[in-house]
Amino acid sequence: MSLLQAENIKLRTKIEDLENRLLKLVGTIKIFTGGMPGNEHVMNNNIAEIITNATDIKIVAPYITNEYALILKDRARNGIKVQIVINDRRLWPGHVDIYDELKVANGIDLVNNPNVKYLLVWSPKTALFTSGPLDKDSLMKTVLIGTLINEKGRLQELLKIFQLMLPSFMR
């Protein structure tokens, strides 16, 4: 009888361990909407939180507007490494001057890719994936699905995808 009780305790411990592992996974990927009534600021708030708490920032975007360009330049001045994969300058609708400012900013690496259609904001602890430009107004007014990722394995996969977009000397 005591052998069965000991085996029962072992099984109960294993089940609790498995439950704890599952609980750790829950919440590592969060899907949300932005741009809808009542949720206008959700996307921008998540992006701002990632950028302000990051020790390393990697961004993929069709283009960036002034609000975020100022934040990124400030983070770069404070010693945070910023890498951006972005559409060619000629594809920036009315934001060519912002492109020029980012291109010469110290601490910001800008890589052109004319095929960028999505938005990825990556840090070592969190990443956000959605569509569209890094534009405060667009993110507030457009109904978008955002994916917030906190799982280390998925973050590493996103980093590999990001690195594939870089020229070989920057990888």
Protein backbone atom coordinates (compact mmCIF):
# COMPACT_ATOMS: atom_id res chain seq x y z
CA MET A 1 0.00 0.00 0.00
CA SER A 2 2.80 2.46 0.80
CA LEU A 3 4.38 1.67 -2.57
CA LEU A 4 1.18 2.81 -4.28
CA GLN A 5 1.09 5.96 -2.18
CA ALA A 6 4.69 6.77 -3.08
CA GLU A 7 3.94 6.19 -6.77
CA ASN A 8 0.83 8.36 -6.45
CA ILE A 9 2.88 11.19 -4.94
CA LYS A 10 5.42 10.95 -7.79
CA LEU A 11 2.67 11.12 -10.38
CA ARG A 12 1.04 14.06 -8.62
CA THR A 13 4.39 15.90 -8.60
CA LYS A 14 4.90 15.22 -12.31
CA ILE A 15 1.39 16.48 -13.10
CA GLU A 16 1.99 19.66 -11.09
CA ASP A 17 5.29 20.20 -12.94
CA LEU A 18 3.54 19.77 -16.28
CA GLU A 19 0.79 22.19 -15.22
CA ASN A 20 3.42 24.77 -14.22
CA ARG A 21 5.14 24.44 -17.60
CA LEU A 22 1.83 24.94 -19.40
CA LEU A 23 1.04 27.97 -17.27
CA LYS A 24 4.39 29.49 -18.22
CA LEU A 25 3.55 29.06 -21.90
CA VAL A 26 0.11 30.63 -21.54
CA GLY A 27 0.44 34.32 -22.16
CA THR A 28 3.70 34.12 -24.09
CA ILE A 29 1.85 34.94 -27.31
CA LYS A 30 -0.95 37.48 -27.14
CA ILE A 31 -3.17 38.44 -30.08
CA PHE A 32 -5.03 41.74 -29.91
CA THR A 33 -6.71 44.33 -32.12
CA GLY A 34 -5.75 47.94 -32.54
CA GLY A 35 -7.42 50.86 -34.25
CA MET A 36 -10.94 49.93 -33.21
CA PRO A 37 -13.12 52.18 -31.04
CA GLY A 38 -11.81 51.87 -27.50
CA ASN A 39 -8.57 50.24 -28.67
CA GLU A 40 -7.08 53.10 -30.69
CA HIS A 41 -3.95 53.38 -28.56
CA VAL A 42 -3.29 49.69 -27.85
CA MET A 43 -0.86 49.14 -30.73
CA ASN A 44 1.11 52.34 -30.08
CA ASN A 45 1.24 51.64 -26.34
CA ASN A 46 2.68 48.16 -26.91
CA ILE A 47 5.25 49.46 -29.39
CA ALA A 48 6.27 52.32 -27.09
CA GLU A 49 6.68 49.89 -24.19
CA ILE A 50 8.93 47.61 -26.23
CA ILE A 51 11.07 50.49 -27.50
CA THR A 52 11.48 52.19 -24.12
CA ASN A 53 12.37 48.98 -22.24
CA ALA A 54 14.65 47.44 -24.88
CA THR A 55 18.40 47.02 -24.67
CA ASP A 56 18.54 46.21 -28.38
CA ILE A 57 15.91 47.25 -30.94
CA LYS A 58 15.29 45.73 -34.34
CA ILE A 59 12.54 47.10 -36.57
CA VAL A 60 11.11 46.12 -39.93
CA ALA A 61 8.71 48.70 -41.39
CA PRO A 62 7.64 50.12 -44.75
CA TYR A 63 8.38 53.61 -43.38
CA ILE A 64 8.60 55.51 -40.09
CA THR A 65 7.01 58.83 -39.22
CA ASN A 66 8.43 61.63 -37.12
CA GLU A 67 7.04 60.58 -33.71
CA TYR A 68 8.78 57.23 -33.77
CA ALA A 69 11.89 58.57 -35.52
CA LEU A 70 12.43 60.97 -32.60
CA ILE A 71 12.03 58.15 -30.07
CA LEU A 72 14.44 55.88 -31.96
CA LYS A 73 17.06 58.62 -32.31
CA ASP A 74 16.77 59.31 -28.57
CA ARG A 75 17.21 55.62 -27.73
CA ALA A 76 20.27 55.47 -30.02
CA ARG A 77 21.76 58.55 -28.31
CA ASN A 78 21.35 56.70 -24.99
CA GLY A 79 23.47 53.80 -26.21
CA ILE A 80 20.74 51.42 -27.35
CA LYS A 81 21.59 49.59 -30.58
CA VAL A 82 18.90 50.25 -33.22
CA GLN A 83 18.73 48.34 -36.51
CA ILE A 84 15.99 49.11 -39.04
CA VAL A 85 15.06 47.30 -42.24
CA ILE A 86 12.98 49.73 -44.25
CA ASN A 87 11.65 50.46 -47.73
CA ASP A 88 13.83 52.40 -50.13
CA ARG A 89 13.84 56.16 -49.67
CA ARG A 90 11.90 56.66 -52.90
CA LEU A 91 9.01 54.60 -51.47
CA TRP A 92 8.49 56.83 -48.42
CA PRO A 93 5.29 58.77 -49.07
CA GLY A 94 6.06 62.31 -47.92
CA HIS A 95 8.59 61.25 -45.28
CA VAL A 96 11.87 61.49 -47.22
CA ASP A 97 13.30 64.02 -44.73
CA ILE A 98 12.73 61.56 -41.85
CA TYR A 99 14.52 58.84 -43.82
CA ASP A 100 17.48 61.20 -44.32
CA GLU A 101 17.59 62.00 -40.58
CA LEU A 102 17.55 58.31 -39.62
CA LYS A 103 20.20 57.46 -42.20
CA VAL A 104 22.74 59.86 -40.65
CA ALA A 105 21.76 59.33 -36.99
CA ASN A 106 24.54 57.87 -34.84
CA GLY A 107 23.70 54.46 -33.41
CA ILE A 108 21.04 53.62 -36.02
CA ASP A 109 21.76 51.09 -38.77
CA LEU A 110 19.37 51.55 -41.69
CA VAL A 111 19.04 48.81 -44.32
CA ASN A 112 16.90 49.24 -47.43
CA ASN A 113 14.56 46.51 -48.61
CA PRO A 114 11.90 47.50 -51.15
CA ASN A 115 9.73 44.49 -50.33
CA VAL A 116 8.90 45.38 -46.71
CA LYS A 117 5.13 45.33 -46.14
CA TYR A 118 4.84 44.40 -42.46
CA LEU A 119 5.80 45.90 -39.12
CA LEU A 120 8.01 44.09 -36.64
CA VAL A 121 9.34 45.69 -33.47
CA TRP A 122 11.77 43.31 -31.74
CA SER A 123 13.66 43.42 -28.47
CA PRO A 124 15.43 40.57 -26.64
CA LYS A 125 12.41 40.12 -24.33
CA THR A 126 9.38 41.03 -26.48
CA ALA A 127 8.37 41.44 -30.09
CA LEU A 128 5.31 42.85 -31.80
CA PHE A 129 4.22 41.84 -35.26
CA THR A 130 1.49 43.51 -37.35
CA SER A 131 1.10 45.15 -40.74
CA GLY A 132 1.66 48.68 -41.94
CA PRO A 133 4.16 51.43 -41.23
CA LEU A 134 5.57 52.63 -37.93
CA ASP A 135 3.19 55.57 -37.96
CA LYS A 136 1.29 56.62 -34.83
CA ASP A 137 -1.76 57.94 -36.70
CA SER A 138 -1.99 54.98 -39.06
CA LEU A 139 -1.75 52.52 -36.16
CA MET A 140 -4.54 54.38 -34.34
CA LYS A 141 -6.92 54.65 -37.29
CA THR A 142 -6.42 51.33 -39.05
CA VAL A 143 -8.01 48.14 -37.74
CA LEU A 144 -5.05 45.80 -37.28
CA ILE A 145 -4.35 42.47 -35.64
CA GLY A 146 -1.26 42.59 -33.48
CA THR A 147 0.73 39.68 -32.15
CA LEU A 148 2.80 40.24 -29.02
CA ILE A 149 5.43 37.56 -28.41
CA ASN A 150 7.30 36.95 -25.16
CA GLU A 151 8.52 33.38 -25.70
CA LYS A 152 12.32 33.11 -26.07
CA GLY A 153 12.17 30.43 -28.76
CA ARG A 154 9.82 32.45 -30.94
CA LEU A 155 11.87 35.60 -30.35
CA GLN A 156 14.94 33.76 -31.63
CA GLU A 157 13.01 32.64 -34.73
CA LEU A 158 12.00 36.25 -35.42
CA LEU A 159 15.61 37.35 -34.93
CA LYS A 160 16.75 34.80 -37.53
CA ILE A 161 14.15 36.14 -39.99
CA PHE A 162 15.31 39.68 -39.29
CA GLN A 163 18.95 38.71 -39.82
CA LEU A 164 18.12 37.14 -43.17
CA MET A 165 16.97 40.58 -44.32
CA LEU A 166 20.37 42.11 -43.48
CA PRO A 167 23.33 42.17 -45.84
CA SER A 168 25.86 39.44 -45.07
CA PHE A 169 28.39 41.84 -43.50
CA MET A 170 25.79 42.93 -40.89
CA ARG A 171 24.71 39.45 -39.80
